[in-house]
N, C-alpha and C. Protein backbone atom coordinates (compact mmCIF):
# COMPACT_ATOMS: atom_id res chain seq x y z
N MET A 1 6.05 -2.28 5.07
CA MET A 1 5.02 -1.31 5.32
C MET A 1 4.52 -1.42 6.75
N GLY A 2 4.56 -2.61 7.31
CA GLY A 2 4.08 -2.82 8.67
C GLY A 2 4.84 -2.03 9.71
N SER A 3 6.07 -1.63 9.40
CA SER A 3 6.84 -0.84 10.35
C SER A 3 6.44 0.63 10.34
N VAL A 4 5.67 1.05 9.33
CA VAL A 4 5.31 2.46 9.20
C VAL A 4 3.85 2.70 9.55
N VAL A 5 2.97 1.85 9.09
CA VAL A 5 1.54 2.00 9.41
C VAL A 5 1.20 1.11 10.59
N SER A 6 0.29 1.57 11.42
CA SER A 6 -0.03 0.82 12.63
C SER A 6 -0.90 -0.40 12.35
N ASP A 7 -1.67 -0.36 11.27
CA ASP A 7 -2.57 -1.47 10.96
C ASP A 7 -2.47 -1.78 9.46
N VAL A 8 -1.76 -2.86 9.12
CA VAL A 8 -1.57 -3.19 7.71
C VAL A 8 -2.87 -3.60 7.04
N MET A 9 -3.89 -3.89 7.81
CA MET A 9 -5.20 -4.21 7.26
C MET A 9 -6.15 -3.01 7.38
N GLY A 10 -5.62 -1.87 7.78
CA GLY A 10 -6.42 -0.66 7.91
C GLY A 10 -6.70 -0.02 6.55
N VAL A 11 -7.56 0.96 6.56
CA VAL A 11 -7.99 1.64 5.33
C VAL A 11 -6.80 2.23 4.58
N SER A 12 -5.92 2.94 5.27
CA SER A 12 -4.79 3.60 4.61
C SER A 12 -3.85 2.59 3.97
N ALA A 13 -3.50 1.56 4.72
CA ALA A 13 -2.57 0.55 4.20
C ALA A 13 -3.18 -0.19 3.01
N LEU A 14 -4.45 -0.55 3.10
CA LEU A 14 -5.09 -1.25 1.98
C LEU A 14 -5.20 -0.35 0.76
N ASP A 15 -5.46 0.95 0.96
CA ASP A 15 -5.50 1.89 -0.17
C ASP A 15 -4.14 1.97 -0.84
N MET A 16 -3.07 2.00 -0.04
CA MET A 16 -1.73 2.04 -0.62
C MET A 16 -1.43 0.77 -1.40
N LEU A 17 -1.81 -0.38 -0.85
CA LEU A 17 -1.59 -1.65 -1.54
C LEU A 17 -2.37 -1.70 -2.85
N ARG A 18 -3.60 -1.21 -2.83
CA ARG A 18 -4.40 -1.19 -4.06
C ARG A 18 -3.77 -0.27 -5.11
N THR A 19 -3.22 0.83 -4.66
CA THR A 19 -2.55 1.77 -5.58
C THR A 19 -1.32 1.12 -6.20
N ILE A 20 -0.53 0.45 -5.38
CA ILE A 20 0.66 -0.26 -5.87
C ILE A 20 0.24 -1.35 -6.84
N ALA A 21 -0.78 -2.13 -6.49
CA ALA A 21 -1.24 -3.22 -7.34
C ALA A 21 -1.77 -2.71 -8.68
N ALA A 22 -2.30 -1.48 -8.68
CA ALA A 22 -2.84 -0.90 -9.91
C ALA A 22 -1.74 -0.43 -10.86
N GLY A 23 -0.50 -0.48 -10.40
CA GLY A 23 0.60 -0.12 -11.28
C GLY A 23 1.18 1.26 -11.07
N VAL A 24 0.69 1.98 -10.08
CA VAL A 24 1.22 3.31 -9.80
C VAL A 24 2.63 3.15 -9.24
N GLU A 25 3.59 3.81 -9.88
CA GLU A 25 4.97 3.72 -9.43
C GLU A 25 5.48 5.02 -8.82
N ASN A 26 4.72 6.09 -8.95
CA ASN A 26 5.10 7.36 -8.37
C ASN A 26 4.93 7.29 -6.86
N LEU A 27 6.05 7.35 -6.13
CA LEU A 27 6.00 7.19 -4.68
C LEU A 27 5.15 8.25 -4.01
N GLU A 28 5.15 9.45 -4.54
CA GLU A 28 4.34 10.50 -3.92
C GLU A 28 2.85 10.21 -4.07
N LYS A 29 2.47 9.64 -5.21
CA LYS A 29 1.05 9.29 -5.40
C LYS A 29 0.66 8.15 -4.49
N VAL A 30 1.54 7.16 -4.36
CA VAL A 30 1.23 6.02 -3.48
C VAL A 30 1.16 6.47 -2.04
N SER A 31 2.16 7.19 -1.58
CA SER A 31 2.18 7.62 -0.19
C SER A 31 1.16 8.72 0.06
N GLY A 32 0.73 9.41 -1.00
CA GLY A 32 -0.28 10.46 -0.85
C GLY A 32 -1.66 9.91 -0.55
N VAL A 33 -1.85 8.62 -0.74
CA VAL A 33 -3.13 7.99 -0.47
C VAL A 33 -3.36 7.89 1.04
N HIS A 34 -2.29 7.88 1.80
CA HIS A 34 -2.40 7.62 3.24
C HIS A 34 -3.12 8.74 3.97
N SER A 35 -3.54 8.42 5.16
CA SER A 35 -4.26 9.35 6.01
C SER A 35 -3.38 10.53 6.42
N PRO A 36 -3.95 11.71 6.59
CA PRO A 36 -3.17 12.85 7.08
C PRO A 36 -2.53 12.57 8.44
N ASN A 37 -3.09 11.63 9.19
CA ASN A 37 -2.53 11.28 10.49
C ASN A 37 -1.12 10.72 10.35
N ASN A 38 -0.79 10.17 9.18
CA ASN A 38 0.51 9.58 8.96
C ASN A 38 1.49 10.53 8.29
N GLU A 39 1.13 11.80 8.17
CA GLU A 39 1.96 12.78 7.46
C GLU A 39 3.38 12.84 8.03
N LYS A 40 3.51 12.74 9.33
CA LYS A 40 4.84 12.83 9.95
C LYS A 40 5.72 11.64 9.56
N LYS A 41 5.12 10.57 9.08
CA LYS A 41 5.88 9.39 8.69
C LYS A 41 6.09 9.31 7.18
N ARG A 42 5.80 10.38 6.47
CA ARG A 42 5.85 10.36 5.00
C ARG A 42 7.22 9.93 4.46
N ALA A 43 8.30 10.49 4.98
CA ALA A 43 9.64 10.15 4.50
C ALA A 43 9.94 8.68 4.75
N GLU A 44 9.58 8.21 5.93
CA GLU A 44 9.81 6.80 6.26
C GLU A 44 8.96 5.89 5.37
N LEU A 45 7.73 6.30 5.12
CA LEU A 45 6.83 5.53 4.27
C LEU A 45 7.38 5.44 2.84
N GLU A 46 7.85 6.56 2.31
CA GLU A 46 8.40 6.54 0.95
C GLU A 46 9.64 5.65 0.87
N LEU A 47 10.44 5.61 1.92
CA LEU A 47 11.60 4.72 1.95
C LEU A 47 11.16 3.26 1.88
N VAL A 48 10.12 2.92 2.63
CA VAL A 48 9.59 1.56 2.62
C VAL A 48 9.06 1.19 1.24
N LEU A 49 8.43 2.14 0.55
CA LEU A 49 7.80 1.87 -0.74
C LEU A 49 8.79 1.84 -1.90
N ARG A 50 10.06 2.07 -1.65
CA ARG A 50 11.05 2.07 -2.72
C ARG A 50 11.43 0.66 -3.18
N GLY A 51 10.86 -0.35 -2.60
CA GLY A 51 11.16 -1.72 -3.00
C GLY A 51 10.78 -1.98 -4.46
N TYR A 52 11.36 -2.99 -5.05
CA TYR A 52 11.11 -3.33 -6.44
C TYR A 52 9.83 -4.16 -6.55
N ILE A 53 8.85 -3.65 -7.26
CA ILE A 53 7.59 -4.35 -7.46
C ILE A 53 7.46 -4.66 -8.94
N ASN A 54 7.50 -5.96 -9.28
CA ASN A 54 7.35 -6.35 -10.68
C ASN A 54 5.90 -6.79 -10.93
N GLN A 55 5.61 -7.16 -12.17
CA GLN A 55 4.24 -7.54 -12.54
C GLN A 55 3.73 -8.73 -11.73
N HIS A 56 4.60 -9.70 -11.48
CA HIS A 56 4.18 -10.86 -10.70
C HIS A 56 3.78 -10.46 -9.27
N LYS A 57 4.56 -9.58 -8.67
CA LYS A 57 4.24 -9.13 -7.31
C LYS A 57 2.94 -8.33 -7.30
N ARG A 58 2.72 -7.52 -8.34
CA ARG A 58 1.45 -6.79 -8.44
C ARG A 58 0.27 -7.75 -8.54
N LEU A 59 0.44 -8.80 -9.36
CA LEU A 59 -0.62 -9.81 -9.49
C LEU A 59 -0.89 -10.50 -8.15
N MET A 60 0.16 -10.82 -7.42
CA MET A 60 -0.02 -11.47 -6.12
C MET A 60 -0.72 -10.54 -5.13
N ILE A 61 -0.36 -9.25 -5.13
CA ILE A 61 -1.03 -8.29 -4.25
C ILE A 61 -2.51 -8.20 -4.61
N LYS A 62 -2.82 -8.10 -5.92
CA LYS A 62 -4.22 -8.04 -6.37
C LYS A 62 -4.98 -9.28 -5.93
N THR A 63 -4.37 -10.45 -6.09
CA THR A 63 -5.02 -11.70 -5.72
C THR A 63 -5.33 -11.73 -4.22
N ILE A 64 -4.36 -11.33 -3.42
CA ILE A 64 -4.56 -11.32 -1.97
C ILE A 64 -5.63 -10.32 -1.57
N LEU A 65 -5.60 -9.13 -2.17
CA LEU A 65 -6.62 -8.12 -1.86
C LEU A 65 -8.02 -8.58 -2.27
N THR A 66 -8.12 -9.26 -3.41
CA THR A 66 -9.41 -9.80 -3.84
C THR A 66 -9.91 -10.82 -2.84
N HIS A 67 -9.02 -11.67 -2.36
CA HIS A 67 -9.40 -12.68 -1.36
C HIS A 67 -9.84 -12.00 -0.04
N ILE A 68 -9.11 -10.97 0.38
CA ILE A 68 -9.48 -10.25 1.59
C ILE A 68 -10.86 -9.63 1.42
N ASP A 69 -11.10 -8.99 0.27
CA ASP A 69 -12.41 -8.38 0.01
C ASP A 69 -13.52 -9.43 0.04
N PHE A 70 -13.26 -10.59 -0.55
CA PHE A 70 -14.25 -11.67 -0.57
C PHE A 70 -14.57 -12.13 0.85
N GLN A 71 -13.55 -12.27 1.67
CA GLN A 71 -13.73 -12.75 3.05
C GLN A 71 -14.41 -11.74 3.94
N THR A 72 -14.25 -10.46 3.65
CA THR A 72 -14.79 -9.42 4.54
C THR A 72 -16.12 -8.83 4.09
N ASP A 73 -16.56 -9.15 2.88
CA ASP A 73 -17.85 -8.63 2.40
C ASP A 73 -18.99 -9.51 2.77
């Protein structure tokens, strides 16, 4: 994802990660969360998001996002 979004800790990237962690598998829904500024990168973003995400990876993403939220609040 870092090759497509300019800031992996930015609002758009974190929203996409939260969507993936929540179990959304529809690539259009996940990539649709991103900012309109990234519209030109939609095809590239969907290619990046085609990776295999299993339950363990979702749990790890949720854990990391929870830790980030704790550290930044």
